Protein backbone atom coordinates (compact mmCIF):
# COMPACT_ATOMS: atom_id res chain seq x y z
CA MET A 1 6.40 -19.70 -43.46
CA SER A 2 9.82 -19.14 -41.94
CA TYR A 3 12.70 -17.37 -43.69
CA PRO A 4 16.47 -18.01 -43.57
CA VAL A 5 17.22 -14.36 -42.75
CA VAL A 6 14.84 -12.27 -40.64
CA MET A 7 15.19 -8.67 -39.48
CA SER A 8 12.98 -6.83 -36.99
CA LEU A 9 12.83 -3.91 -34.58
CA ASP A 10 11.64 -3.34 -31.05
CA HIS A 11 8.31 -1.55 -30.64
CA THR A 12 9.80 1.87 -29.82
CA LEU A 13 11.44 1.94 -33.26
CA ALA A 14 8.67 0.13 -35.12
CA SER A 15 6.53 3.26 -35.15
CA HIS A 16 5.76 6.27 -37.31
CA HIS A 17 6.03 8.49 -34.18
CA ARG A 18 3.06 10.48 -35.44
CA GLY A 19 5.28 12.05 -38.07
CA ASN A 20 7.49 13.71 -35.44
CA THR A 21 10.81 11.98 -34.82
CA PHE A 22 11.35 14.01 -31.61
CA LEU A 23 8.67 11.83 -29.99
CA GLY A 24 11.04 8.90 -30.26
CA PHE A 25 13.21 10.36 -27.50
CA GLY A 26 10.41 9.59 -25.07
CA ALA A 27 11.46 5.93 -25.32
CA CYS A 28 14.40 6.81 -23.03
CA LEU A 29 12.04 7.54 -20.14
CA PRO A 30 11.96 5.00 -17.31
CA GLY A 31 8.57 3.39 -16.88
CA ARG A 32 6.46 0.39 -16.06
CA LEU A 33 4.14 -1.61 -18.28
CA THR A 34 1.07 0.52 -17.52
CA GLN A 35 2.97 3.70 -18.34
CA GLU A 36 4.43 2.10 -21.44
CA ALA A 37 0.98 1.39 -22.82
CA PHE A 38 0.09 5.05 -22.44
CA PHE A 39 3.29 6.38 -24.02
CA ARG A 40 3.08 3.86 -26.81
CA ALA A 41 -0.40 5.09 -27.68
CA VAL A 42 0.63 8.75 -27.57
CA ALA A 43 4.25 8.88 -28.73
CA TRP A 44 5.13 5.71 -30.64
CA PRO A 45 1.96 4.01 -31.89
CA ALA A 46 2.66 0.74 -33.62
CA ALA A 47 3.61 0.78 -37.27
CA THR A 48 1.25 -1.00 -39.61
CA ALA A 49 1.92 -4.65 -40.31
CA LEU A 50 1.52 -5.43 -44.00
CA PRO A 51 -0.54 -8.47 -45.09
CA ASP A 52 2.59 -10.63 -45.40
CA GLY A 53 3.65 -9.76 -41.83
CA SER A 54 6.37 -7.33 -42.85
CA ILE A 55 6.75 -3.94 -41.24
CA GLY A 56 5.11 -0.93 -42.88
CA THR A 57 7.27 1.79 -41.30
CA ALA A 58 10.84 1.58 -40.03
CA ASP A 59 13.74 3.87 -39.26
CA CYS A 60 15.92 5.01 -42.16
CA GLY A 61 19.00 3.07 -41.03
CA SER A 62 17.13 -0.25 -41.00
CA ARG A 63 15.63 0.53 -44.40
CA ARG A 64 19.14 1.03 -45.78
CA ILE A 65 20.18 -2.40 -44.52
CA GLU A 66 17.02 -3.89 -46.00
CA ALA A 67 17.86 -2.32 -49.37
CA ALA A 68 21.49 -3.49 -49.15
CA LEU A 69 20.42 -7.09 -48.58
CA ARG A 70 18.01 -6.93 -51.52
CA GLU A 71 20.75 -5.58 -53.77
CA ALA A 72 23.06 -8.33 -52.54
CA GLY A 73 20.64 -10.91 -53.93
CA PHE A 74 18.50 -11.83 -50.93
CA GLY A 75 15.05 -12.24 -52.44
CA PRO A 76 11.57 -12.49 -50.90
CA ARG A 77 12.06 -16.17 -50.02
CA ASP A 78 15.45 -15.56 -48.40
CA PHE A 79 14.95 -12.40 -46.34
CA HIS A 80 11.99 -10.93 -44.45
CA PHE A 81 11.74 -7.66 -42.50
CA ALA A 82 9.18 -8.73 -39.91
CA HIS A 83 6.86 -6.59 -37.82
CA PRO A 84 7.62 -7.32 -34.12
CA ASP A 85 3.99 -8.36 -33.54
CA ARG A 86 4.29 -10.90 -36.36
CA LEU A 87 7.76 -12.22 -35.54
CA GLY A 88 6.47 -15.69 -34.70
CA GLU A 89 5.21 -16.09 -38.28
CA ALA A 90 8.63 -15.31 -39.81
CA VAL A 91 11.04 -17.08 -37.46
CA GLY A 92 11.02 -20.87 -37.56
CA PRO A 93 13.05 -23.98 -38.36
CA ASP A 94 14.52 -22.40 -41.52
CA THR A 95 15.72 -19.24 -39.79
CA LYS A 96 19.51 -19.10 -39.54
CA VAL A 97 20.18 -15.37 -39.05
CA PHE A 98 18.31 -12.71 -37.10
CA LEU A 99 19.16 -9.01 -37.52
CA PHE A 100 18.00 -6.07 -35.41
CA GLY A 101 19.03 -2.49 -34.78
CA SER A 102 18.44 -0.28 -31.77
CA HIS A 103 19.37 3.17 -30.47
CA ASP A 104 19.76 2.44 -26.74
CA PRO A 105 19.29 -1.32 -26.22
CA LEU A 106 20.54 -1.47 -22.63
CA GLY A 107 19.34 1.94 -21.43
CA ARG A 108 22.86 3.30 -21.02
CA GLY A 109 22.75 6.26 -23.37
CA PRO A 110 23.22 9.89 -22.27
CA LEU A 111 19.52 10.79 -22.25
CA ALA A 112 18.44 7.62 -20.43
CA ARG A 113 21.08 8.26 -17.76
CA MET A 114 19.83 11.81 -17.28
CA PHE A 115 16.22 10.64 -16.86
CA HIS A 116 17.36 7.98 -14.40
CA ALA A 117 19.20 10.63 -12.36
CA LEU A 118 15.99 12.65 -12.16
CA TRP A 119 13.53 9.84 -11.46
CA GLY A 120 15.34 6.57 -10.87
CA GLY A 121 12.95 3.70 -11.35
CA PRO A 122 12.89 0.79 -13.80
CA PRO A 123 14.85 0.55 -17.07
CA PRO A 124 13.75 2.85 -19.91
CA PHE A 125 11.05 1.82 -22.35
CA ASN A 126 13.46 1.11 -25.22
CA ALA A 127 15.61 -1.27 -23.16
CA ARG A 128 12.53 -3.15 -21.96
CA SER A 129 11.27 -3.35 -25.53
CA VAL A 130 14.58 -4.70 -26.86
CA ALA A 131 14.60 -7.36 -24.13
CA ARG A 132 11.11 -8.53 -25.12
CA LEU A 133 12.22 -8.75 -28.74
CA LEU A 134 15.33 -10.83 -28.02
CA PHE A 135 13.51 -13.15 -25.60
CA HIS A 136 10.71 -13.82 -28.08
CA PRO A 137 9.76 -17.53 -27.86
CA ALA A 138 10.25 -18.03 -31.61
CA LEU A 139 13.86 -16.81 -31.40
CA LYS A 140 14.59 -18.94 -28.37
CA LYS A 141 13.26 -21.99 -30.17
CA ALA A 142 14.98 -21.41 -33.54
CA ARG A 143 18.28 -20.19 -32.03
CA PRO A 144 19.53 -18.30 -35.10
CA VAL A 145 22.75 -16.30 -35.24
CA VAL A 146 21.81 -12.91 -33.80
CA ILE A 147 23.51 -9.82 -35.29
CA ALA A 148 22.97 -6.46 -33.56
CA GLY A 149 23.58 -3.04 -35.05
CA GLY A 150 22.26 0.51 -35.03
CA GLY A 151 23.23 3.62 -33.13
CA GLY A 152 23.29 1.77 -29.81
CA ALA A 153 25.61 -1.02 -30.97
CA TRP A 154 28.42 0.39 -28.81
CA GLU A 155 26.49 -0.75 -25.71
CA TRP A 156 26.64 -4.38 -26.84
CA ALA A 157 30.25 -4.02 -27.98
CA THR A 158 31.44 -2.90 -24.55
CA ASP A 159 29.56 -5.51 -22.49
CA GLU A 160 30.40 -9.15 -23.12
CA ARG A 161 28.12 -10.34 -20.34
CA ALA A 162 25.11 -8.51 -21.82
CA ARG A 163 25.79 -10.13 -25.20
CA ARG A 164 25.82 -13.54 -23.57
CA ASP A 165 22.72 -12.93 -21.44
CA PHE A 166 20.66 -11.63 -24.38
CA GLY A 167 21.98 -14.11 -26.94
CA VAL A 168 23.71 -11.59 -29.21
CA ASP A 169 26.36 -13.38 -31.27
CA CYS A 170 27.80 -10.54 -33.35
CA VAL A 171 27.75 -6.75 -33.01
CA LEU A 172 28.26 -4.42 -35.95
CA VAL A 173 29.54 -0.98 -34.96
CA GLY A 174 29.40 1.64 -37.69
CA GLU A 175 28.00 1.54 -41.20
CA GLY A 176 26.58 -1.69 -42.51
CA GLU A 177 25.52 -1.51 -46.16
CA THR A 178 28.61 -3.32 -47.42
CA THR A 179 29.44 -5.27 -44.24
CA VAL A 180 26.06 -6.76 -43.26
CA PRO A 181 25.51 -8.80 -46.46
CA GLU A 182 28.98 -10.33 -46.00
CA LEU A 183 28.27 -11.22 -42.36
CA VAL A 184 24.92 -12.77 -43.29
CA ARG A 185 26.47 -14.95 -46.01
CA ARG A 186 29.21 -16.10 -43.65
CA ALA A 187 26.63 -16.99 -40.99
CA LEU A 188 24.53 -18.90 -43.53
CA ASP A 189 27.68 -20.83 -44.52
CA GLY A 190 28.13 -21.91 -40.92
CA GLU A 191 31.09 -19.69 -40.07
CA THR A 192 31.54 -18.40 -36.52
CA LEU A 193 31.29 -14.62 -36.67
CA PRO A 194 33.53 -12.27 -34.68
CA GLU A 195 31.82 -10.94 -31.58
CA VAL A 196 32.43 -7.31 -32.60
CA VAL A 197 32.87 -6.05 -36.15
CA THR A 198 33.58 -2.49 -37.29
CA GLY A 199 31.65 -1.67 -40.43
CA ARG A 200 33.47 -0.17 -43.37
CA THR A 201 32.79 3.44 -44.37
CA VAL A 202 30.44 3.25 -47.35
CA PRO A 203 31.17 5.39 -50.43
CA VAL A 204 28.25 7.49 -51.65
CA ASP A 205 27.83 5.40 -54.79
CA ARG A 206 27.47 2.25 -52.66
CA ILE A 207 24.66 3.61 -50.46
CA PRO A 208 21.55 1.82 -51.77
CA ARG A 209 18.33 3.65 -52.56
CA LEU A 210 15.42 3.14 -50.19
CA ARG A 211 12.86 0.54 -51.22
CA SER A 212 10.29 1.13 -48.47
CA PRO A 213 9.03 4.16 -46.50
CA THR A 214 10.74 5.46 -43.39
CA ALA A 215 9.40 6.66 -40.04
CA GLY A 216 8.88 10.41 -40.02
CA GLY A 217 9.71 10.62 -43.72
CA VAL A 218 13.42 10.64 -42.83
CA VAL A 219 15.83 10.52 -45.77
CA GLU A 220 19.57 10.95 -45.64
CA ALA A 221 21.19 14.09 -47.02
CA THR A 222 24.69 13.59 -45.62
CA ARG A 223 26.70 11.12 -43.60
CA GLY A 224 29.26 12.26 -41.10
CA CYS A 225 30.19 15.84 -40.34
CA GLY A 226 33.97 15.83 -40.13
CA ARG A 227 34.10 18.18 -37.15
CA GLY A 228 35.75 15.54 -34.96
CA CYS A 229 34.21 16.08 -31.52
CA HIS A 230 35.61 13.57 -29.06
CA PHE A 231 32.25 12.03 -28.26
CA CYS A 232 31.51 11.13 -31.90
CA VAL A 233 31.79 7.65 -33.36
CA PRO A 234 34.28 6.93 -36.18
CA ASN A 235 31.77 6.82 -39.04
CA LEU A 236 30.86 10.46 -38.34
CA LEU A 237 34.40 11.63 -39.08
CA LYS A 238 34.15 11.50 -42.87
CA LEU A 239 31.64 13.84 -44.50
CA ARG A 240 29.72 12.60 -47.54
CA SER A 241 26.86 14.40 -49.28
CA LEU A 242 24.31 12.34 -51.20
CA PRO A 243 23.49 13.77 -54.64
CA VAL A 244 20.19 15.63 -54.90
CA GLU A 245 18.92 13.00 -57.35
CA HIS A 246 19.61 10.28 -54.78
CA VAL A 247 17.75 12.21 -52.08
CA LEU A 248 14.78 12.82 -54.38
CA GLU A 249 14.49 9.11 -55.20
CA ASP A 250 14.26 8.36 -51.47
CA VAL A 251 11.69 11.14 -51.03
CA ALA A 252 9.63 9.61 -53.85
CA VAL A 253 9.51 6.27 -52.01
CA ASN A 254 7.97 8.00 -48.99
CA LEU A 255 5.56 10.04 -51.10
CA ARG A 256 4.23 6.89 -52.77
CA ALA A 257 3.48 5.56 -49.29
CA GLY A 258 1.58 8.70 -48.34
CA ARG A 259 4.35 10.39 -46.34
CA ARG A 260 3.94 14.14 -46.96
CA ARG A 261 6.56 15.38 -44.54
CA VAL A 262 10.26 15.03 -45.29
CA SER A 263 13.02 15.17 -42.68
CA LEU A 264 16.51 15.51 -44.15
CA HIS A 265 18.91 13.62 -41.94
CA ALA A 266 22.38 15.09 -41.51
CA GLU A 267 24.83 15.53 -38.68
CA ASP A 268 25.17 19.13 -39.90
CA ILE A 269 22.82 20.06 -42.74
CA PHE A 270 24.76 23.28 -43.33
CA ARG A 271 27.72 21.20 -44.53
CA TYR A 272 25.73 19.68 -47.39
CA GLY A 273 27.69 19.96 -50.62
CA ASN A 274 30.87 20.91 -48.79
CA THR A 275 33.95 19.93 -50.74
CA GLY A 276 36.63 20.92 -48.24
CA GLY A 277 37.25 23.20 -45.30
CA PHE A 278 34.36 24.61 -43.30
CA ALA A 279 32.92 27.12 -45.72
CA VAL A 280 29.15 26.81 -46.18
CA ASN A 281 28.06 25.95 -49.71
CA GLU A 282 24.95 28.09 -49.50
CA GLU A 283 23.79 27.37 -53.03
CA ALA A 284 24.02 23.60 -52.49
CA VAL A 285 22.10 23.73 -49.18
CA CYS A 286 19.35 25.97 -50.57
CA GLY A 287 19.22 23.94 -53.78
CA LEU A 288 18.64 20.75 -51.80
CA PHE A 289 15.79 22.21 -49.74
CA GLU A 290 14.19 23.80 -52.78
CA ALA A 291 14.38 20.61 -54.83
CA VAL A 292 12.69 18.60 -52.07
CA ALA A 293 10.08 21.27 -51.31
CA ARG A 294 9.07 21.43 -54.99
CA GLN A 295 8.15 17.75 -55.18
CA ASP A 296 4.43 17.19 -55.71
CA GLY A 297 2.80 16.14 -52.46
CA VAL A 298 5.49 17.43 -50.08
CA GLU A 299 3.82 19.49 -47.35
CA MET A 300 6.75 20.14 -45.03
CA VAL A 301 10.55 19.87 -45.16
CA SER A 302 12.77 19.87 -42.09
CA ALA A 303 16.28 18.76 -41.17
CA SER A 304 17.56 16.82 -38.19
CA HIS A 305 20.84 18.44 -37.10
CA ALA A 306 22.72 21.66 -37.73
CA THR A 307 25.46 23.78 -36.14
CA LEU A 308 25.49 27.35 -34.90
CA ALA A 309 28.86 27.93 -36.52
CA GLY A 310 27.38 26.94 -39.87
CA ALA A 311 24.43 29.29 -39.37
CA LEU A 312 26.76 32.21 -38.67
CA ALA A 313 29.19 31.34 -41.43
CA ALA A 314 26.60 32.22 -44.08
CA PRO A 315 24.41 34.99 -42.61
CA SER A 316 21.87 35.00 -45.47
CA LEU A 317 21.34 31.22 -45.47
CA LEU A 318 18.62 31.05 -42.82
CA ARG A 319 16.62 33.86 -44.40
CA ARG A 320 16.69 32.05 -47.73
CA LEU A 321 15.70 28.74 -46.15
CA ALA A 322 12.79 30.36 -44.31
CA GLY A 323 11.54 31.64 -47.65
CA ILE A 324 11.96 28.28 -49.39
CA LEU A 325 10.08 26.51 -46.59
CA GLY A 326 7.37 29.17 -46.42
CA LEU A 327 7.70 29.55 -42.67
CA GLY A 328 4.86 31.59 -41.20
CA ARG A 329 2.70 31.39 -44.32
CA PRO A 330 -0.80 29.90 -44.35
CA GLY A 331 -0.65 26.11 -44.40
CA ARG A 332 3.02 26.07 -43.41
CA PRO A 333 4.82 25.73 -40.06
CA GLU A 334 5.38 28.89 -38.05
CA ALA A 335 9.03 28.02 -37.55
CA GLY A 336 11.65 25.42 -38.44
CA ALA A 337 13.64 23.35 -35.96
CA PHE A 338 17.03 21.66 -35.69
CA GLN A 339 18.85 19.62 -33.10
CA ILE A 340 22.09 21.42 -32.27
CA GLY A 341 24.89 20.57 -29.87
CA ILE A 342 26.19 23.32 -27.62
CA GLU A 343 27.82 20.74 -25.32
CA THR A 344 29.65 23.31 -23.16
CA GLY A 345 29.95 27.03 -22.51
CA SER A 346 33.53 26.69 -21.32
CA VAL A 347 36.30 27.82 -23.64
CA SER A 348 38.76 25.36 -22.07
CA MET A 349 36.37 22.44 -22.57
CA ALA A 350 35.67 23.59 -26.14
CA ARG A 351 39.39 23.60 -26.87
CA ARG A 352 39.80 20.16 -25.33
CA HIS A 353 36.78 18.26 -26.66
CA LEU A 354 34.95 20.08 -29.47
CA ALA A 355 37.78 20.02 -32.05
CA GLN A 356 36.34 21.78 -35.15
CA LYS A 357 32.76 22.22 -33.95
CA MET A 358 33.09 26.00 -33.98
CA ALA A 359 35.01 26.21 -37.30
CA PRO A 360 35.49 28.56 -39.14
CA PHE A 361 35.64 30.39 -35.79
CA SER A 362 38.02 29.57 -32.95
CA ALA A 363 37.41 27.83 -29.64
CA ASP A 364 37.97 31.14 -27.85
CA ASP A 365 34.86 32.48 -29.58
CA TRP A 366 32.62 29.50 -28.76
CA PRO A 367 30.34 31.19 -26.17
CA GLU A 368 29.92 34.15 -28.51
CA VAL A 369 29.14 31.84 -31.44
CA VAL A 370 26.41 30.22 -29.31
CA ARG A 371 24.87 33.52 -28.19
CA GLN A 372 24.84 35.11 -31.61
CA GLY A 373 23.94 31.90 -33.43
CA ALA A 374 20.89 31.22 -31.24
CA ALA A 375 19.65 34.80 -31.73
CA HIS A 376 20.27 34.56 -35.47
CA LEU A 377 18.23 31.36 -35.74
CA TRP A 378 15.22 32.80 -33.92
CA ALA A 379 15.35 36.07 -35.88
CA ASN A 380 14.84 33.99 -39.02
CA ARG A 381 12.04 31.76 -37.65
CA PHE A 382 14.17 28.81 -36.60
CA TYR A 383 14.66 27.39 -33.14
CA ALA A 384 16.61 24.44 -31.79
CA ALA A 385 16.71 21.61 -29.32
CA TYR A 386 20.15 22.23 -27.86
CA THR A 387 22.19 19.61 -26.01
CA LEU A 388 24.75 20.03 -23.24
CA VAL A 389 27.21 17.37 -22.07
CA VAL A 390 27.48 17.29 -18.28
CA GLY A 391 30.60 15.68 -16.84
CA LEU A 392 33.08 15.94 -19.70
CA PRO A 393 36.50 14.52 -18.69
CA GLY A 394 38.55 17.21 -16.98
CA GLU A 395 35.53 19.44 -16.33
CA THR A 396 35.85 21.72 -13.28
CA ASP A 397 33.24 23.72 -11.41
CA ALA A 398 34.50 26.83 -13.20
CA ASP A 399 33.73 25.15 -16.54
CA VAL A 400 30.26 24.19 -15.34
CA TYR A 401 29.48 27.74 -14.21
CA ASP A 402 30.66 29.08 -17.56
CA THR A 403 28.08 26.80 -19.17
CA LEU A 404 25.41 27.81 -16.66
CA ARG A 405 26.08 31.48 -17.39
CA LEU A 406 25.62 30.81 -21.10
CA VAL A 407 22.32 29.01 -20.48
CA ARG A 408 21.03 32.02 -18.53
CA GLN A 409 22.05 34.33 -21.38
CA LEU A 410 19.87 32.30 -23.74
CA ARG A 411 16.84 32.65 -21.48
CA GLY A 412 15.02 35.15 -23.70
CA ILE A 413 15.39 33.04 -26.84
CA PRO A 414 12.72 30.36 -27.45
CA CYS A 415 14.37 26.94 -27.58
CA VAL A 416 14.82 23.84 -25.44
CA ILE A 417 18.08 22.84 -23.76
CA PHE A 418 18.73 19.22 -22.78
CA PRO A 419 21.59 18.39 -20.42
CA LEU A 420 22.96 14.92 -21.13
CA PHE A 421 25.35 12.89 -19.02
CA PHE A 422 28.76 12.21 -20.51
CA VAL A 423 29.07 8.65 -21.78
CA PRO A 424 32.35 7.47 -23.42
CA MET A 425 30.98 6.05 -26.68
CA SER A 426 34.03 6.78 -28.83
CA PRO A 427 37.34 4.83 -29.05
CA VAL A 428 39.09 8.19 -28.54
CA TRP A 429 38.74 7.55 -24.81
CA THR A 430 41.46 5.54 -23.08
CA GLY A 431 39.07 3.34 -21.13
CA GLN A 432 39.76 5.17 -17.87
CA GLU A 433 36.91 7.61 -18.45
CA GLN A 434 33.63 6.50 -16.94
CA PRO A 435 30.10 7.70 -17.66
CA LEU A 436 28.69 10.23 -15.24
CA THR A 437 26.15 8.77 -12.83
CA ALA A 438 23.56 10.41 -10.59
CA SER A 439 25.62 9.77 -7.45
CA GLN A 440 28.58 11.64 -8.95
CA VAL A 441 26.71 14.82 -9.88
CA THR A 442 28.33 17.81 -8.20
CA ARG A 443 26.57 20.85 -6.78
CA ALA A 444 27.65 22.95 -9.77
CA GLN A 445 26.40 20.34 -12.24
CA ALA A 446 23.07 20.10 -10.41
CA GLU A 447 22.67 23.87 -10.70
CA LEU A 448 23.34 23.66 -14.43
CA ILE A 449 20.71 20.92 -14.83
CA VAL A 450 18.19 23.06 -12.92
CA ALA A 451 18.93 26.07 -15.14
CA ALA A 452 18.40 24.03 -18.30
CA PHE A 453 15.06 22.60 -17.19
CA GLU A 454 13.88 25.97 -15.89
CA HIS A 455 14.51 27.30 -19.37
CA ASN A 456 12.51 24.44 -20.85
CA ALA A 457 9.64 25.03 -18.44
CA GLN A 458 9.27 28.49 -19.98
CA TRP A 459 9.53 27.52 -23.62
CA ALA A 460 9.10 23.80 -24.35
CA ASP A 461 5.34 23.70 -24.87
CA ARG A 462 5.31 26.86 -27.00
CA VAL A 463 8.08 25.83 -29.39
CA TRP A 464 6.40 22.41 -29.64
CA ALA A 465 3.25 24.16 -30.85
CA LEU A 466 5.26 25.89 -33.59
CA TYR A 467 6.38 22.64 -35.16
CA GLY A 468 3.90 21.45 -37.77
CA ARG A 469 0.72 22.82 -39.31
CA ALA A 470 -2.00 21.66 -36.89
CA ALA A 471 -0.99 23.88 -33.98
CA SER A 472 -4.61 24.30 -32.83
CA SER A 473 -5.84 20.75 -33.45
CA THR A 474 -7.12 18.65 -30.56
CA TYR A 475 -4.04 16.42 -30.64
CA ALA A 476 -1.73 19.46 -30.68
CA VAL A 477 -3.48 20.98 -27.65
CA VAL A 478 -3.24 17.69 -25.74
CA ALA A 479 0.38 17.19 -26.78
CA ARG A 480 1.26 20.72 -25.71
CA ALA A 481 -0.34 20.17 -22.32
CA MET A 482 1.63 16.93 -21.94
CA VAL A 483 4.88 18.65 -22.87
CA ARG A 484 4.18 21.35 -20.29
CA ALA A 485 3.44 18.77 -17.60
CA LEU A 486 6.53 16.69 -18.45
CA THR A 487 8.88 19.68 -18.37
CA ALA A 488 7.39 20.76 -15.05
CA MET A 489 8.08 17.29 -13.65
CA MET A 490 11.66 17.43 -14.94
CA THR A 491 12.19 20.84 -13.39
CA ARG A 492 10.89 19.71 -9.99
CA SER A 493 13.10 16.63 -10.09
CA ALA A 494 16.14 18.70 -11.07
CA ARG A 495 15.52 21.07 -8.16
CA ARG A 496 15.26 18.11 -5.80
CA LEU A 497 18.60 16.81 -7.12
CA ALA A 498 20.14 20.24 -6.53
CA MET A 499 18.81 20.36 -2.97
CA GLU A 500 20.36 16.96 -2.30
CA ARG A 501 23.68 18.44 -3.39
CA GLY A 502 23.28 21.36 -0.99
CA SER A 503 22.43 23.99 -3.61
CA GLU A 504 19.94 26.80 -3.14
CA ALA A 505 18.97 26.27 -6.80
CA GLY A 506 16.40 23.82 -5.51
CA ARG A 507 14.56 26.51 -3.52
CA ARG A 508 14.93 29.73 -5.51
CA GLU A 509 12.38 31.15 -7.90
CA PRO A 510 12.96 30.66 -11.65
CA GLY A 511 14.92 33.51 -13.21
CA THR A 512 17.11 34.25 -10.18
CA ALA A 513 20.73 34.67 -11.21
CA LEU A 514 23.31 32.18 -10.03
CA HIS A 515 27.02 32.91 -9.67
CA GLY A 516 26.96 35.99 -11.87
CA ALA A 517 24.75 34.39 -14.50
CA VAL A 518 22.71 36.74 -16.65
CA SER A 519 18.95 36.44 -16.19
CA SER A 520 15.95 37.98 -17.90
CA ALA A 521 12.32 38.17 -16.90
CA ALA A 522 10.40 34.98 -17.50
CA PRO A 523 8.28 35.33 -20.65
CA ASP A 524 4.52 34.93 -20.67
CA ARG A 525 3.75 31.23 -21.09
CA GLY A 526 0.59 31.74 -23.08
CA ASP A 527 -2.61 29.72 -23.16
CA ILE A 528 -2.37 26.23 -24.62
CA PHE A 529 -5.93 26.52 -25.90
CA GLN A 530 -5.26 29.69 -27.86
CA PRO A 531 -4.50 28.72 -31.46
CA LEU A 532 -1.40 30.16 -33.06
CA ARG A 533 -2.82 32.42 -35.73
CA ARG A 534 -1.06 32.22 -39.04
CA GLY A 535 0.83 35.33 -40.02
CA ARG A 536 1.01 36.78 -36.51
CA ALA A 537 4.63 37.85 -36.45
CA GLU A 538 4.01 39.58 -33.11
CA TRP A 539 3.97 36.13 -31.47
CA PHE A 540 7.70 36.07 -32.08
CA PRO A 541 8.98 38.14 -29.17
CA PRO A 542 11.98 40.44 -29.70
CA VAL A 543 15.13 38.53 -28.91
CA PRO A 544 18.00 40.14 -27.03
CA SER A 545 20.49 41.81 -29.31
CA PRO A 546 23.73 39.85 -29.56
CA PRO A 547 26.35 41.00 -27.07
CA SER A 548 28.50 43.89 -28.19
CA GLN A 549 31.58 41.70 -28.50
CA PRO A 550 31.94 40.94 -32.22
CA LEU A 551 33.06 37.66 -33.65
CA PRO A 552 36.45 37.90 -35.34
CA GLN A 553 36.74 38.10 -39.09
CA VAL A 554 37.59 34.63 -40.39
CA SER A 555 39.64 33.77 -43.42
CA GLN A 556 38.40 35.20 -46.69
CA GLY A 557 36.16 32.98 -48.78
CA THR A 558 34.12 31.46 -45.97
CA GLY A 559 31.13 33.67 -46.59
CA VAL A 560 31.21 35.14 -43.09
CA GLY A 561 30.29 38.74 -42.55
CA CYS A 562 31.16 39.87 -39.03
CA PRO A 563 30.12 41.35 -36.72
CA LEU A 564 26.60 40.03 -37.03
CA PRO A 565 24.01 42.85 -36.92
CA ALA A 566 21.29 42.78 -34.27
CA PRO A 567 18.58 40.37 -35.44
CA ARG A 568 15.21 41.70 -36.52
CA ILE A 569 12.00 39.70 -36.39
CA PRO A 570 10.82 38.93 -39.93
CA ALA A 571 7.58 40.38 -41.18
CA ASN A 572 4.66 38.14 -42.17
């Protein structure tokens, strides 16, 4: 049976990612078919296809579009969310519209570019997977109107030739819950759709409830962050917090499907419940986590993104969250994790590109916010996957070495640091800015990349083992060994890149200071076969005390108490 409207995903998104959404980033690695089969088995095993051929697990954004179409009146005979392995059963003579979303459909995102600089090789797994989806024989035969969306829609929007080559008729950039049903109806009526459409910002009361489970148990807590960094897309400029009742309804959908882990999606979870300014609504944030954690069947609660400024703006928040989540207790994770953007250690670049990222502090305090914020997280059993943007417009070698110095100062704090190539994804750019490529990497930038991956070689496998409850299971031991091997490969490749740029960073031993950077002794890496014993607070090594320079007192009412005292490792 074919359906008038069909939606699907490529295989890298059509996966439960073993309950860990961080595994999805592996889809940006370049690889061949034999390697893809291995990574697909380990990192993104196929989602279950339901008896009717629909997909059993999908990303939260696609589930929102699915729910929006249902609410718009598209019933079971009109619309089908097909598993990619069963696409031929859903697409046929009656199919007029095909929808799909993707995160990096052409392999041009910041992470894919970084991997390509290190290893070169074929296109990344996600781009290959999207190509197979769009060249599916059933789609080529039916020739429906193809509408592309998702976080990687900007790649289609900026490349007319790619749209033509892959048969993409319309690209939706931005939010889609109110815009997609309109586009689908227009396509069904025979209208010619615009090649690029900007989705309208969706009010909270128009965001539909989930109807089916999401990969990794992801549910939205907020949309947007309002901090206005230049590399953000427009729909992230307006902050909206979903009511707790709305979040709990989405959690319940996942619980009914057997999902016991919940990941709260937010661009900055510490801004949940914010009603203006950059003060942290500590009661709202803690209330959200507590409400979710109390639901019957929930085993673990995490959040996707946070900010260091938010962590410092309410010094007691992390301690309260660690208690709510039971970090370090039997049957609970040893530590919590966030993805956090550092982007740069340069004050001039922070002033120029980060806008309000450091609010309620100032751009002049940005390196200090990073140093103290990272120490504050670890002291309260949280760590982060930090990102850096290499090649920001106007960046000089002095800016790069400021960032490198900051990376070295974080060396004693367990975390991972991912350098990403600058890619102009936002309309803020004039069109003259170009993405950084491997051939344009300077000696200073290569040294920064080496420093970041050297840091990861010390910590990546150990912080991976902290995330989740089965730290000593067979899969966890194998995964930890793979993480260690992968980070070692990245480090070697980064050193080779540095040597090509004439830098001694490619030959020196890890931990050696560069250009006045602060270094500390490399920590003991530990044995991957030694289980992490619950309640062993001594595993958490003492972190360096924050530098003596205090953060300034910010305006009254923000909940900031400065200077931040030296962090202490929590007891069991």
